[in-house]
Amino acid sequence: MPMARHTFPPLYYPVLIVILAFAVSARSTAPPPSDAAVSARATAAPPSDAEADRRFLRECCANTSNAPVCYDWLLPSAGSFHGDHVKVALAAGAGAFARLRGFYHEIRRLQRTGTGAGRVADMALGPCATMALVVLETEGDWRASLRRLETAAGRRGEQAKSDLFNAQFRIGVVGPAATACTDDLASAGEAVLASQVGKKVAAIVADVELHGVIAHELVINGVTL
């Protein structure tokens, strides 16, 4: 059976048009909000995500031995943390390992070209490279341990305790892997450390140590079960 068509009275459409025109006119002529209203609305607005990200990072870095360096270093990644301490630790650790990797490549370059500070100094680079490489090879295990701690399930049980220990220990040796090289060069004589190459190596070592310590502190003080 066909549906009956509904018809409107003859005056329906003209009246509807007048009502719509009046509504549009009233909306377009409404006075703009006052400065006070705009200011009050802005004051009441919640903080932006970017502000919350920066505040969270500042809180994390406050628990390190060099909060300004920590904050400036990790600020470009702040938007990816989402209030998660494990993500902060992963970013810092990745940066620390990257610095150690750069140190290792510089030592390998010096092994090829020579230090210019004598045979004893050249030989001292061998243990430097070996130590750095050994630590670099643990990065994958370190990352896997922290990744498992990102979830609530991963933070329960004996495996979680083992993962937390591994994450703390492996990032904790990044700095010492570099500083050991300074000791090796010092054993070759103070003149080696005072040389141009010695000073360059010492500067790289200091940078690796600084960021390694910060990354270690972010794991120790931020990642819990």
N, C-alpha and C. Protein backbone atom coordinates (compact mmCIF):
# COMPACT_ATOMS: atom_id res chain seq x y z
N MET A 1 0.85 -1.19 0.00
CA MET A 1 0.00 0.00 0.00
C MET A 1 0.88 1.23 0.00
N PRO A 2 0.76 2.16 -0.93
CA PRO A 2 1.65 3.34 -0.99
C PRO A 2 1.42 4.23 0.22
N MET A 3 2.53 4.83 0.67
CA MET A 3 2.47 5.70 1.85
C MET A 3 1.81 7.01 1.48
N ALA A 4 0.92 7.48 2.31
CA ALA A 4 0.22 8.74 2.04
C ALA A 4 1.17 9.90 2.16
N ARG A 5 1.13 10.83 1.24
CA ARG A 5 1.99 12.01 1.27
C ARG A 5 1.43 13.01 2.26
N HIS A 6 2.37 13.60 3.04
CA HIS A 6 1.93 14.60 4.03
C HIS A 6 2.04 15.97 3.39
N THR A 7 0.98 16.70 3.39
CA THR A 7 0.99 18.05 2.80
C THR A 7 0.92 19.07 3.91
N PHE A 8 1.67 20.18 3.69
CA PHE A 8 1.68 21.27 4.67
C PHE A 8 0.72 22.36 4.23
N PRO A 9 0.18 23.11 5.15
CA PRO A 9 -0.73 24.21 4.79
C PRO A 9 0.01 25.24 3.93
N PRO A 10 -0.70 26.00 3.13
CA PRO A 10 -0.08 26.94 2.18
C PRO A 10 0.85 27.93 2.84
N LEU A 11 0.60 28.35 4.07
CA LEU A 11 1.43 29.36 4.72
C LEU A 11 2.64 28.78 5.42
N TYR A 12 2.82 27.46 5.39
CA TYR A 12 3.92 26.82 6.15
C TYR A 12 5.29 27.29 5.68
N TYR A 13 5.56 27.21 4.38
CA TYR A 13 6.89 27.53 3.87
C TYR A 13 7.25 29.00 4.02
N PRO A 14 6.34 29.94 3.70
CA PRO A 14 6.69 31.36 3.93
C PRO A 14 7.01 31.65 5.38
N VAL A 15 6.25 31.07 6.31
CA VAL A 15 6.51 31.30 7.73
C VAL A 15 7.85 30.71 8.14
N LEU A 16 8.17 29.50 7.63
CA LEU A 16 9.44 28.86 7.96
C LEU A 16 10.62 29.69 7.48
N ILE A 17 10.51 30.23 6.26
CA ILE A 17 11.58 31.06 5.70
C ILE A 17 11.80 32.30 6.55
N VAL A 18 10.73 32.94 6.99
CA VAL A 18 10.84 34.15 7.82
C VAL A 18 11.54 33.81 9.14
N ILE A 19 11.19 32.68 9.75
CA ILE A 19 11.80 32.28 11.03
C ILE A 19 13.29 32.05 10.86
N LEU A 20 13.68 31.32 9.79
CA LEU A 20 15.10 31.05 9.56
C LEU A 20 15.86 32.32 9.28
N ALA A 21 15.29 33.22 8.51
CA ALA A 21 15.97 34.48 8.20
C ALA A 21 16.17 35.30 9.45
N PHE A 22 15.19 35.30 10.35
CA PHE A 22 15.31 36.05 11.60
C PHE A 22 16.41 35.47 12.48
N ALA A 23 16.51 34.12 12.52
CA ALA A 23 17.52 33.47 13.35
C ALA A 23 18.92 33.79 12.85
N VAL A 24 19.11 33.74 11.52
CA VAL A 24 20.42 34.05 10.95
C VAL A 24 20.79 35.49 11.21
N SER A 25 19.82 36.41 11.05
CA SER A 25 20.08 37.83 11.26
C SER A 25 20.45 38.10 12.71
N ALA A 26 19.74 37.46 13.64
CA ALA A 26 20.02 37.68 15.06
C ALA A 26 21.40 37.18 15.42
N ARG A 27 21.81 36.04 14.82
CA ARG A 27 23.12 35.48 15.15
C ARG A 27 24.23 36.36 14.59
N SER A 28 24.05 36.89 13.39
CA SER A 28 25.10 37.69 12.75
C SER A 28 25.24 39.05 13.38
N THR A 29 24.15 39.57 13.99
CA THR A 29 24.24 40.91 14.59
C THR A 29 24.52 40.85 16.08
N ALA A 30 24.69 39.68 16.64
CA ALA A 30 24.97 39.58 18.07
C ALA A 30 26.30 40.24 18.37
N PRO A 31 26.41 41.02 19.44
CA PRO A 31 27.67 41.70 19.76
C PRO A 31 28.77 40.71 20.10
N PRO A 32 30.01 41.02 19.71
CA PRO A 32 31.11 40.11 20.03
C PRO A 32 31.33 40.06 21.53
N PRO A 33 31.90 38.97 22.04
CA PRO A 33 32.14 38.87 23.48
C PRO A 33 33.12 39.94 23.94
N SER A 34 32.92 40.41 25.15
CA SER A 34 33.79 41.44 25.69
C SER A 34 35.19 40.89 25.96
N ASP A 35 36.16 41.80 26.09
CA ASP A 35 37.53 41.39 26.39
C ASP A 35 37.59 40.61 27.69
N ALA A 36 36.76 41.03 28.65
CA ALA A 36 36.76 40.36 29.95
C ALA A 36 36.27 38.92 29.81
N ALA A 37 35.25 38.74 28.95
CA ALA A 37 34.72 37.39 28.76
C ALA A 37 35.74 36.50 28.08
N VAL A 38 36.42 37.06 27.06
CA VAL A 38 37.44 36.29 26.37
C VAL A 38 38.57 35.93 27.32
N SER A 39 38.98 36.90 28.16
CA SER A 39 40.06 36.66 29.11
C SER A 39 39.67 35.59 30.12
N ALA A 40 38.42 35.66 30.59
CA ALA A 40 37.96 34.68 31.58
C ALA A 40 37.93 33.29 30.97
N ARG A 41 37.50 33.22 29.67
CA ARG A 41 37.44 31.93 29.01
C ARG A 41 38.84 31.34 28.84
N ALA A 42 39.80 32.21 28.51
CA ALA A 42 41.17 31.74 28.34
C ALA A 42 41.77 31.28 29.65
N THR A 43 41.42 31.99 30.73
CA THR A 43 41.94 31.63 32.05
C THR A 43 41.41 30.28 32.49
N ALA A 44 40.15 30.02 32.15
CA ALA A 44 39.53 28.78 32.58
C ALA A 44 39.93 27.58 31.73
N ALA A 45 40.58 27.84 30.57
CA ALA A 45 40.93 26.74 29.67
C ALA A 45 41.97 25.83 30.33
N PRO A 46 41.84 24.54 30.15
CA PRO A 46 42.82 23.60 30.72
C PRO A 46 44.16 23.73 30.01
N PRO A 47 45.25 23.32 30.62
CA PRO A 47 46.56 23.42 29.98
C PRO A 47 46.60 22.54 28.74
N SER A 48 47.36 22.99 27.74
CA SER A 48 47.46 22.23 26.50
C SER A 48 48.27 20.96 26.73
N ASP A 49 48.17 20.06 25.75
CA ASP A 49 48.94 18.82 25.85
C ASP A 49 50.43 19.12 25.91
N ALA A 50 50.87 20.11 25.13
CA ALA A 50 52.30 20.46 25.12
C ALA A 50 52.77 20.92 26.49
N GLU A 51 51.95 21.71 27.17
CA GLU A 51 52.30 22.18 28.51
C GLU A 51 52.38 21.01 29.48
N ALA A 52 51.44 20.09 29.37
CA ALA A 52 51.44 18.92 30.25
C ALA A 52 52.66 18.04 29.97
N ASP A 53 53.02 17.91 28.70
CA ASP A 53 54.20 17.12 28.34
C ASP A 53 55.46 17.73 28.94
N ARG A 54 55.58 19.04 28.84
CA ARG A 54 56.77 19.71 29.38
C ARG A 54 56.82 19.61 30.90
N ARG A 55 55.67 19.73 31.53
CA ARG A 55 55.63 19.63 32.99
C ARG A 55 56.03 18.23 33.45
N PHE A 56 55.54 17.21 32.76
CA PHE A 56 55.90 15.83 33.11
C PHE A 56 57.41 15.61 32.94
N LEU A 57 57.96 16.08 31.84
CA LEU A 57 59.40 15.91 31.62
C LEU A 57 60.20 16.65 32.69
N ARG A 58 59.75 17.83 33.06
CA ARG A 58 60.45 18.59 34.11
C ARG A 58 60.44 17.82 35.43
N GLU A 59 59.32 17.19 35.73
CA GLU A 59 59.23 16.39 36.96
C GLU A 59 60.17 15.20 36.92
N CYS A 60 60.27 14.56 35.75
CA CYS A 60 61.19 13.41 35.62
C CYS A 60 62.63 13.86 35.79
N CYS A 61 62.99 14.94 35.14
CA CYS A 61 64.38 15.41 35.17
C CYS A 61 64.78 15.96 36.54
N ALA A 62 63.79 16.35 37.34
CA ALA A 62 64.10 16.85 38.68
C ALA A 62 64.74 15.77 39.54
N ASN A 63 64.56 14.52 39.16
CA ASN A 63 65.13 13.40 39.92
C ASN A 63 66.48 12.95 39.39
N THR A 64 67.11 13.79 38.57
CA THR A 64 68.45 13.48 38.05
C THR A 64 69.46 14.46 38.62
N SER A 65 70.73 14.15 38.42
CA SER A 65 71.80 15.00 38.96
C SER A 65 72.05 16.25 38.12
N ASN A 66 71.45 16.32 36.92
CA ASN A 66 71.61 17.51 36.08
C ASN A 66 70.30 17.76 35.35
N ALA A 67 69.35 18.35 36.07
CA ALA A 67 68.00 18.55 35.53
C ALA A 67 67.98 19.43 34.28
N PRO A 68 68.75 20.54 34.21
CA PRO A 68 68.70 21.37 33.01
C PRO A 68 69.14 20.63 31.75
N VAL A 69 70.23 19.88 31.84
CA VAL A 69 70.71 19.13 30.69
C VAL A 69 69.69 18.06 30.31
N CYS A 70 69.16 17.37 31.29
CA CYS A 70 68.16 16.33 31.07
C CYS A 70 66.96 16.91 30.32
N TYR A 71 66.46 18.04 30.77
CA TYR A 71 65.26 18.65 30.17
C TYR A 71 65.53 19.08 28.73
N ASP A 72 66.61 19.81 28.52
CA ASP A 72 66.92 20.29 27.17
C ASP A 72 67.18 19.13 26.21
N TRP A 73 67.80 18.09 26.72
CA TRP A 73 68.13 16.92 25.91
C TRP A 73 66.89 16.18 25.42
N LEU A 74 65.93 15.98 26.32
CA LEU A 74 64.76 15.16 26.01
C LEU A 74 63.55 15.96 25.56
N LEU A 75 63.62 17.29 25.60
CA LEU A 75 62.47 18.12 25.25
C LEU A 75 61.93 17.82 23.85
N PRO A 76 62.77 17.62 22.82
CA PRO A 76 62.21 17.33 21.50
C PRO A 76 61.33 16.08 21.45
N SER A 77 61.51 15.18 22.41
CA SER A 77 60.72 13.94 22.43
C SER A 77 59.59 13.99 23.44
N ALA A 78 59.40 15.13 24.10
CA ALA A 78 58.45 15.21 25.21
C ALA A 78 57.03 14.81 24.80
N GLY A 79 56.64 15.11 23.58
CA GLY A 79 55.30 14.81 23.13
C GLY A 79 55.01 13.33 22.97
N SER A 80 56.04 12.50 23.01
CA SER A 80 55.85 11.06 22.82
C SER A 80 55.81 10.28 24.13
N PHE A 81 55.97 10.96 25.26
CA PHE A 81 56.06 10.25 26.54
C PHE A 81 54.70 9.92 27.14
N HIS A 82 53.73 10.82 27.00
CA HIS A 82 52.37 10.59 27.48
C HIS A 82 52.32 10.18 28.96
N GLY A 83 53.17 10.79 29.77
CA GLY A 83 53.15 10.52 31.20
C GLY A 83 53.71 9.17 31.59
N ASP A 84 54.45 8.53 30.70
CA ASP A 84 54.98 7.19 30.94
C ASP A 84 56.47 7.27 31.23
N HIS A 85 56.87 6.88 32.45
CA HIS A 85 58.28 6.94 32.85
C HIS A 85 59.15 5.97 32.03
N VAL A 86 58.57 4.86 31.62
CA VAL A 86 59.34 3.90 30.83
C VAL A 86 59.72 4.50 29.48
N LYS A 87 58.80 5.25 28.87
CA LYS A 87 59.10 5.89 27.59
C LYS A 87 60.21 6.93 27.75
N VAL A 88 60.23 7.64 28.85
CA VAL A 88 61.30 8.61 29.11
C VAL A 88 62.62 7.88 29.23
N ALA A 89 62.63 6.78 29.98
CA ALA A 89 63.85 6.00 30.16
C ALA A 89 64.35 5.42 28.84
N LEU A 90 63.43 4.98 28.01
CA LEU A 90 63.81 4.43 26.70
C LEU A 90 64.46 5.50 25.83
N ALA A 91 63.89 6.69 25.81
CA ALA A 91 64.44 7.77 25.00
C ALA A 91 65.82 8.19 25.49
N ALA A 92 65.95 8.31 26.81
CA ALA A 92 67.24 8.72 27.38
C ALA A 92 68.29 7.64 27.15
N GLY A 93 67.91 6.39 27.37
CA GLY A 93 68.86 5.30 27.17
C GLY A 93 69.32 5.19 25.73
N ALA A 94 68.38 5.36 24.79
CA ALA A 94 68.74 5.31 23.38
C ALA A 94 69.75 6.41 23.04
N GLY A 95 69.53 7.59 23.63
CA GLY A 95 70.47 8.69 23.41
C GLY A 95 71.84 8.43 24.01
N ALA A 96 71.85 7.80 25.18
CA ALA A 96 73.13 7.50 25.83
C ALA A 96 73.91 6.44 25.04
N PHE A 97 73.20 5.41 24.59
CA PHE A 97 73.87 4.38 23.77
C PHE A 97 74.38 4.99 22.46
N ALA A 98 73.62 5.91 21.90
CA ALA A 98 74.04 6.55 20.65
C ALA A 98 75.34 7.33 20.86
N ARG A 99 75.46 7.98 22.01
CA ARG A 99 76.70 8.71 22.30
C ARG A 99 77.87 7.75 22.49
N LEU A 100 77.61 6.64 23.15
CA LEU A 100 78.67 5.65 23.32
C LEU A 100 79.08 5.08 21.95
N ARG A 101 78.11 4.91 21.07
CA ARG A 101 78.42 4.40 19.73
C ARG A 101 79.30 5.40 18.96
N GLY A 102 78.98 6.69 19.10
CA GLY A 102 79.82 7.70 18.47
C GLY A 102 81.23 7.70 19.02
N PHE A 103 81.35 7.49 20.32
CA PHE A 103 82.66 7.39 20.97
C PHE A 103 83.43 6.19 20.41
N TYR A 104 82.75 5.07 20.29
CA TYR A 104 83.40 3.86 19.77
C TYR A 104 83.94 4.09 18.35
N HIS A 105 83.14 4.72 17.51
CA HIS A 105 83.58 4.97 16.13
C HIS A 105 84.77 5.92 16.10
N GLU A 106 84.80 6.87 17.00
CA GLU A 106 85.95 7.79 17.05
C GLU A 106 87.21 7.05 17.49
N ILE A 107 87.08 6.16 18.46
CA ILE A 107 88.23 5.37 18.90
C ILE A 107 88.73 4.48 17.77
N ARG A 108 87.82 3.88 17.03
CA ARG A 108 88.20 3.03 15.90
C ARG A 108 88.91 3.85 14.83
N ARG A 109 88.47 5.08 14.64
CA ARG A 109 89.13 5.95 13.65
C ARG A 109 90.56 6.25 14.09
N LEU A 110 90.72 6.53 15.39
CA LEU A 110 92.05 6.82 15.91
C LEU A 110 92.97 5.60 15.83
N GLN A 111 92.38 4.41 15.96
CA GLN A 111 93.18 3.20 15.81
C GLN A 111 93.73 3.08 14.39
N ARG A 112 92.97 3.54 13.42
CA ARG A 112 93.43 3.47 12.03
C ARG A 112 94.46 4.54 11.71
N THR A 113 94.23 5.75 12.26
CA THR A 113 95.10 6.89 11.90
C THR A 113 96.24 7.09 12.88
N GLY A 114 96.08 6.54 14.11
CA GLY A 114 97.08 6.77 15.15
C GLY A 114 96.75 8.03 15.93
N THR A 115 97.16 8.04 17.19
CA THR A 115 96.87 9.20 18.05
C THR A 115 97.86 10.33 17.84
N GLY A 116 99.03 9.98 17.34
CA GLY A 116 100.07 11.00 17.21
C GLY A 116 100.76 11.24 18.53
N ALA A 117 100.40 10.47 19.56
CA ALA A 117 100.98 10.66 20.89
C ALA A 117 101.91 9.51 21.26
N GLY A 118 102.24 8.68 20.29
CA GLY A 118 103.17 7.59 20.57
C GLY A 118 102.52 6.23 20.56
N ARG A 119 103.38 5.20 20.51
CA ARG A 119 102.91 3.82 20.40
C ARG A 119 102.13 3.37 21.63
N VAL A 120 102.56 3.79 22.81
CA VAL A 120 101.86 3.38 24.04
C VAL A 120 100.43 3.92 24.04
N ALA A 121 100.27 5.15 23.61
CA ALA A 121 98.93 5.74 23.54
C ALA A 121 98.07 5.02 22.52
N ASP A 122 98.67 4.68 21.38
CA ASP A 122 97.92 3.95 20.35
C ASP A 122 97.43 2.61 20.89
N MET A 123 98.30 1.92 21.62
CA MET A 123 97.95 0.62 22.17
C MET A 123 96.85 0.74 23.23
N ALA A 124 96.81 1.87 23.93
CA ALA A 124 95.80 2.05 24.98
C ALA A 124 94.39 2.15 24.41
N LEU A 125 94.29 2.43 23.12
CA LEU A 125 92.96 2.55 22.50
C LEU A 125 92.28 1.20 22.35
N GLY A 126 93.07 0.12 22.32
CA GLY A 126 92.48 -1.22 22.15
C GLY A 126 91.47 -1.56 23.22
N PRO A 127 91.84 -1.47 24.51
CA PRO A 127 90.86 -1.76 25.58
C PRO A 127 89.66 -0.80 25.53
N CYS A 128 89.90 0.45 25.11
CA CYS A 128 88.79 1.42 25.02
C CYS A 128 87.73 0.91 24.06
N ALA A 129 88.17 0.52 22.87
CA ALA A 129 87.24 0.05 21.85
C ALA A 129 86.54 -1.23 22.29
N THR A 130 87.30 -2.13 22.89
CA THR A 130 86.72 -3.40 23.32
C THR A 130 85.63 -3.21 24.36
N MET A 131 85.91 -2.39 25.36
CA MET A 131 84.93 -2.14 26.42
C MET A 131 83.66 -1.51 25.85
N ALA A 132 83.82 -0.50 25.00
CA ALA A 132 82.65 0.17 24.42
C ALA A 132 81.82 -0.80 23.59
N LEU A 133 82.48 -1.64 22.81
CA LEU A 133 81.75 -2.58 21.96
C LEU A 133 80.98 -3.60 22.79
N VAL A 134 81.58 -4.08 23.86
CA VAL A 134 80.92 -5.06 24.72
C VAL A 134 79.62 -4.47 25.28
N VAL A 135 79.66 -3.23 25.73
CA VAL A 135 78.47 -2.58 26.28
C VAL A 135 77.45 -2.31 25.18
N LEU A 136 77.90 -1.87 24.02
CA LEU A 136 76.97 -1.60 22.92
C LEU A 136 76.19 -2.84 22.51
N GLU A 137 76.80 -3.98 22.63
CA GLU A 137 76.12 -5.22 22.24
C GLU A 137 75.02 -5.63 23.21
N THR A 138 74.91 -4.94 24.34
CA THR A 138 73.84 -5.24 25.29
C THR A 138 72.61 -4.35 25.08
N GLU A 139 72.70 -3.41 24.14
CA GLU A 139 71.60 -2.45 23.98
C GLU A 139 70.28 -3.14 23.64
N GLY A 140 70.33 -4.15 22.78
CA GLY A 140 69.09 -4.84 22.41
C GLY A 140 68.41 -5.49 23.61
N ASP A 141 69.18 -6.15 24.47
CA ASP A 141 68.61 -6.78 25.66
C ASP A 141 68.05 -5.72 26.62
N TRP A 142 68.79 -4.61 26.74
CA TRP A 142 68.32 -3.52 27.61
C TRP A 142 66.98 -2.98 27.13
N ARG A 143 66.88 -2.76 25.83
CA ARG A 143 65.64 -2.22 25.27
C ARG A 143 64.48 -3.20 25.45
N ALA A 144 64.75 -4.49 25.22
CA ALA A 144 63.70 -5.50 25.37
C ALA A 144 63.19 -5.57 26.81
N SER A 145 64.10 -5.45 27.77
CA SER A 145 63.71 -5.48 29.18
C SER A 145 62.78 -4.32 29.51
N LEU A 146 63.13 -3.13 29.04
CA LEU A 146 62.29 -1.96 29.33
C LEU A 146 60.95 -2.05 28.59
N ARG A 147 60.97 -2.54 27.37
CA ARG A 147 59.73 -2.67 26.61
C ARG A 147 58.72 -3.54 27.35
N ARG A 148 59.20 -4.62 27.96
CA ARG A 148 58.28 -5.49 28.70
C ARG A 148 57.70 -4.78 29.92
N LEU A 149 58.44 -3.81 30.44
CA LEU A 149 57.97 -3.08 31.63
C LEU A 149 56.99 -1.96 31.29
N GLU A 150 56.71 -1.78 30.00
CA GLU A 150 55.75 -0.73 29.59
C GLU A 150 54.32 -1.12 29.93
N THR A 151 54.04 -2.40 30.06
CA THR A 151 52.67 -2.85 30.31
C THR A 151 52.49 -3.25 31.77
N ALA A 152 51.25 -3.18 32.23
CA ALA A 152 50.96 -3.56 33.62
C ALA A 152 51.28 -5.04 33.84
N ALA A 153 50.97 -5.87 32.85
CA ALA A 153 51.27 -7.30 32.98
C ALA A 153 52.77 -7.54 33.05
N GLY A 154 53.52 -6.74 32.31
CA GLY A 154 54.97 -6.91 32.28
C GLY A 154 55.65 -6.47 33.56
N ARG A 155 54.94 -5.77 34.41
CA ARG A 155 55.51 -5.30 35.68
C ARG A 155 55.15 -6.21 36.86
N ARG A 156 54.69 -7.42 36.54
CA ARG A 156 54.34 -8.38 37.60
C ARG A 156 55.22 -9.63 37.48
N GLY A 157 55.50 -10.24 38.61
CA GLY A 157 56.19 -11.52 38.62
C GLY A 157 57.71 -11.41 38.64
N GLU A 158 58.33 -12.56 38.66
CA GLU A 158 59.79 -12.64 38.74
C GLU A 158 60.47 -12.08 37.50
N GLN A 159 59.84 -12.27 36.32
CA GLN A 159 60.41 -11.74 35.09
C GLN A 159 60.53 -10.23 35.16
N ALA A 160 59.55 -9.58 35.78
CA ALA A 160 59.58 -8.13 35.90
C ALA A 160 60.76 -7.68 36.75
N LYS A 161 61.02 -8.39 37.83
CA LYS A 161 62.16 -8.04 38.68
C LYS A 161 63.47 -8.20 37.92
N SER A 162 63.57 -9.27 37.14
CA SER A 162 64.76 -9.50 36.34
C SER A 162 64.92 -8.43 35.27
N ASP A 163 63.80 -8.05 34.63
CA ASP A 163 63.86 -7.01 33.60
C ASP A 163 64.28 -5.67 34.18
N LEU A 164 63.77 -5.34 35.36
CA LEU A 164 64.12 -4.07 35.97
C LEU A 164 65.60 -4.05 36.34
N PHE A 165 66.09 -5.14 36.90
CA PHE A 165 67.52 -5.22 37.24
C PHE A 165 68.38 -5.06 35.99
N ASN A 166 68.02 -5.78 34.91
CA ASN A 166 68.81 -5.70 33.67
C ASN A 166 68.78 -4.29 33.09
N ALA A 167 67.61 -3.66 33.13
CA ALA A 167 67.50 -2.31 32.58
C ALA A 167 68.38 -1.34 33.36
N GLN A 168 68.38 -1.48 34.68
CA GLN A 168 69.20 -0.60 35.51
C GLN A 168 70.69 -0.86 35.31
N PHE A 169 71.05 -2.13 35.30
CA PHE A 169 72.47 -2.50 35.21
C PHE A 169 73.06 -2.14 33.86
N ARG A 170 72.37 -2.48 32.78
CA ARG A 170 72.95 -2.29 31.45
C ARG A 170 73.11 -0.82 31.09
N ILE A 171 72.16 0.01 31.47
CA ILE A 171 72.33 1.45 31.18
C ILE A 171 73.35 2.06 32.14
N GLY A 172 73.51 1.43 33.30
CA GLY A 172 74.45 1.95 34.29
C GLY A 172 75.90 1.82 33.90
N VAL A 173 76.23 0.95 32.93
CA VAL A 173 77.63 0.76 32.55
C VAL A 173 77.99 1.54 31.29
N VAL A 174 77.05 2.30 30.73
CA VAL A 174 77.36 3.09 29.54
C VAL A 174 78.43 4.14 29.84
N GLY A 175 78.23 4.90 30.92
CA GLY A 175 79.21 5.90 31.29
C GLY A 175 80.58 5.32 31.62
N PRO A 176 80.64 4.32 32.51
CA PRO A 176 81.93 3.71 32.84
C PRO A 176 82.66 3.10 31.65
N ALA A 177 81.91 2.64 30.64
CA ALA A 177 82.56 2.09 29.46
C ALA A 177 83.41 3.13 28.76
N ALA A 178 83.00 4.38 28.86
CA ALA A 178 83.78 5.46 28.25
C ALA A 178 84.86 5.99 29.19
N THR A 179 84.51 6.15 30.47
CA THR A 179 85.49 6.71 31.41
C THR A 179 86.68 5.79 31.61
N ALA A 180 86.49 4.49 31.41
CA ALA A 180 87.61 3.55 31.52
C ALA A 180 88.69 3.90 30.50
N CYS A 181 88.28 4.48 29.39
CA CYS A 181 89.25 4.84 28.35
C CYS A 181 90.17 5.95 28.84
N THR A 182 89.64 6.89 29.60
CA THR A 182 90.47 7.96 30.15
C THR A 182 91.54 7.37 31.05
N ASP A 183 91.15 6.38 31.85
CA ASP A 183 92.13 5.72 32.72
C ASP A 183 93.21 5.02 31.90
N ASP A 184 92.79 4.37 30.78
CA ASP A 184 93.76 3.68 29.93
C ASP A 184 94.75 4.67 29.32
N LEU A 185 94.24 5.81 28.87
CA LEU A 185 95.13 6.81 28.29
C LEU A 185 96.04 7.42 29.35
N ALA A 186 95.51 7.59 30.55
CA ALA A 186 96.32 8.15 31.64
C ALA A 186 97.48 7.21 31.98
N SER A 187 97.24 5.91 31.83
CA SER A 187 98.31 4.95 32.12
C SER A 187 99.46 5.07 31.12
N ALA A 188 99.17 5.69 29.98
CA ALA A 188 100.22 5.90 28.98
C ALA A 188 101.03 7.16 29.26
N GLY A 189 100.59 7.90 30.29
CA GLY A 189 101.33 9.10 30.66
C GLY A 189 100.46 10.35 30.59
N GLU A 190 100.73 11.30 31.48
CA GLU A 190 99.95 12.53 31.52
C GLU A 190 100.08 13.32 30.23
N ALA A 191 101.22 13.16 29.56
CA ALA A 191 101.42 13.89 28.30
C ALA A 191 100.39 13.47 27.25
N VAL A 192 99.97 12.21 27.30
CA VAL A 192 98.97 11.73 26.35
C VAL A 192 97.64 12.41 26.59
N LEU A 193 97.22 12.51 27.85
CA LEU A 193 95.96 13.18 28.17
C LEU A 193 96.01 14.65 27.82
N ALA A 194 97.20 15.24 27.92
CA ALA A 194 97.35 16.67 27.63
C ALA A 194 97.46 16.96 26.14
N SER A 195 97.64 15.90 25.34
CA SER A 195 97.77 16.10 23.90
C SER A 195 96.42 16.47 23.29
N GLN A 196 96.45 16.91 22.03
CA GLN A 196 95.22 17.30 21.36
C GLN A 196 94.24 16.13 21.26
N VAL A 197 94.77 14.97 20.92
CA VAL A 197 93.92 13.78 20.84
C VAL A 197 93.38 13.41 22.21
N GLY A 198 94.24 13.48 23.23
CA GLY A 198 93.81 13.15 24.58
C GLY A 198 92.68 14.06 25.05
N LYS A 199 92.79 15.33 24.74
CA LYS A 199 91.74 16.28 25.15
C LYS A 199 90.43 16.01 24.41
N LYS A 200 90.55 15.66 23.13
CA LYS A 200 89.34 15.37 22.35
C LYS A 200 88.64 14.13 22.91
N VAL A 201 89.42 13.10 23.18
CA VAL A 201 88.84 11.87 23.74
C VAL A 201 88.21 12.16 25.10
N ALA A 202 88.88 12.94 25.91
CA ALA A 202 88.37 13.27 27.25
C ALA A 202 87.04 14.03 27.15
N ALA A 203 86.91 14.91 26.16
CA ALA A 203 85.66 15.67 25.99
C ALA A 203 84.51 14.74 25.60
N ILE A 204 84.81 13.80 24.70
CA ILE A 204 83.76 12.84 24.29
C ILE A 204 83.37 11.96 25.46
N VAL A 205 84.37 11.52 26.22
CA VAL A 205 84.12 10.68 27.40
C VAL A 205 83.21 11.42 28.38
N ALA A 206 83.49 12.69 28.62
CA ALA A 206 82.69 13.48 29.57
C ALA A 206 81.23 13.57 29.11
N ASP A 207 81.03 13.72 27.80
CA ASP A 207 79.67 13.81 27.25
C ASP A 207 78.93 12.48 27.41
N VAL A 208 79.62 11.39 27.10
CA VAL A 208 78.99 10.06 27.26
C VAL A 208 78.65 9.81 28.72
N GLU A 209 79.57 10.14 29.61
CA GLU A 209 79.34 9.91 31.04
C GLU A 209 78.16 10.72 31.54
N LEU A 210 78.09 12.00 31.17
CA LEU A 210 77.00 12.86 31.62
C LEU A 210 75.64 12.29 31.22
N HIS A 211 75.48 11.96 29.95
CA HIS A 211 74.19 11.47 29.48
C HIS A 211 73.92 10.04 29.93
N GLY A 212 74.98 9.26 30.11
CA GLY A 212 74.80 7.91 30.64
C GLY A 212 74.28 7.94 32.07
N VAL A 213 74.81 8.86 32.86
CA VAL A 213 74.37 8.99 34.25
C VAL A 213 72.90 9.43 34.31
N ILE A 214 72.54 10.40 33.49
CA ILE A 214 71.16 10.87 33.47
C ILE A 214 70.21 9.74 33.07
N ALA A 215 70.57 9.01 32.02
CA ALA A 215 69.72 7.90 31.58
C ALA A 215 69.58 6.84 32.68
N HIS A 216 70.68 6.58 33.38
CA HIS A 216 70.64 5.60 34.47
C HIS A 216 69.72 6.09 35.59
N GLU A 217 69.81 7.35 35.93
CA GLU A 217 68.97 7.91 37.00
C GLU A 217 67.49 7.89 36.62
N LEU A 218 67.18 8.09 35.35
CA LEU A 218 65.78 8.06 34.93
C LEU A 218 65.19 6.66 35.03
N VAL A 219 66.03 5.64 34.88
CA VAL A 219 65.56 4.27 35.09
C VAL A 219 65.43 3.98 36.58
N ILE A 220 66.46 4.31 37.32
CA ILE A 220 66.49 4.03 38.76
C ILE A 220 65.35 4.74 39.49
N ASN A 221 65.15 6.02 39.18
CA ASN A 221 64.21 6.83 39.94
C ASN A 221 62.79 6.87 39.35
N GLY A 222 62.67 6.45 38.08
CA GLY A 222 61.36 6.58 37.43
C GLY A 222 60.63 5.29 37.16
N VAL A 223 61.36 4.23 36.85
CA VAL A 223 60.71 2.97 36.46
C VAL A 223 60.55 2.08 37.70
N THR A 224 59.30 1.79 38.03
CA THR A 224 59.01 0.98 39.22
C THR A 224 58.06 -0.16 38.84
N LEU A 225 57.97 -1.12 39.71
CA LEU A 225 57.08 -2.27 39.48
C LEU A 225 55.75 -2.06 40.22
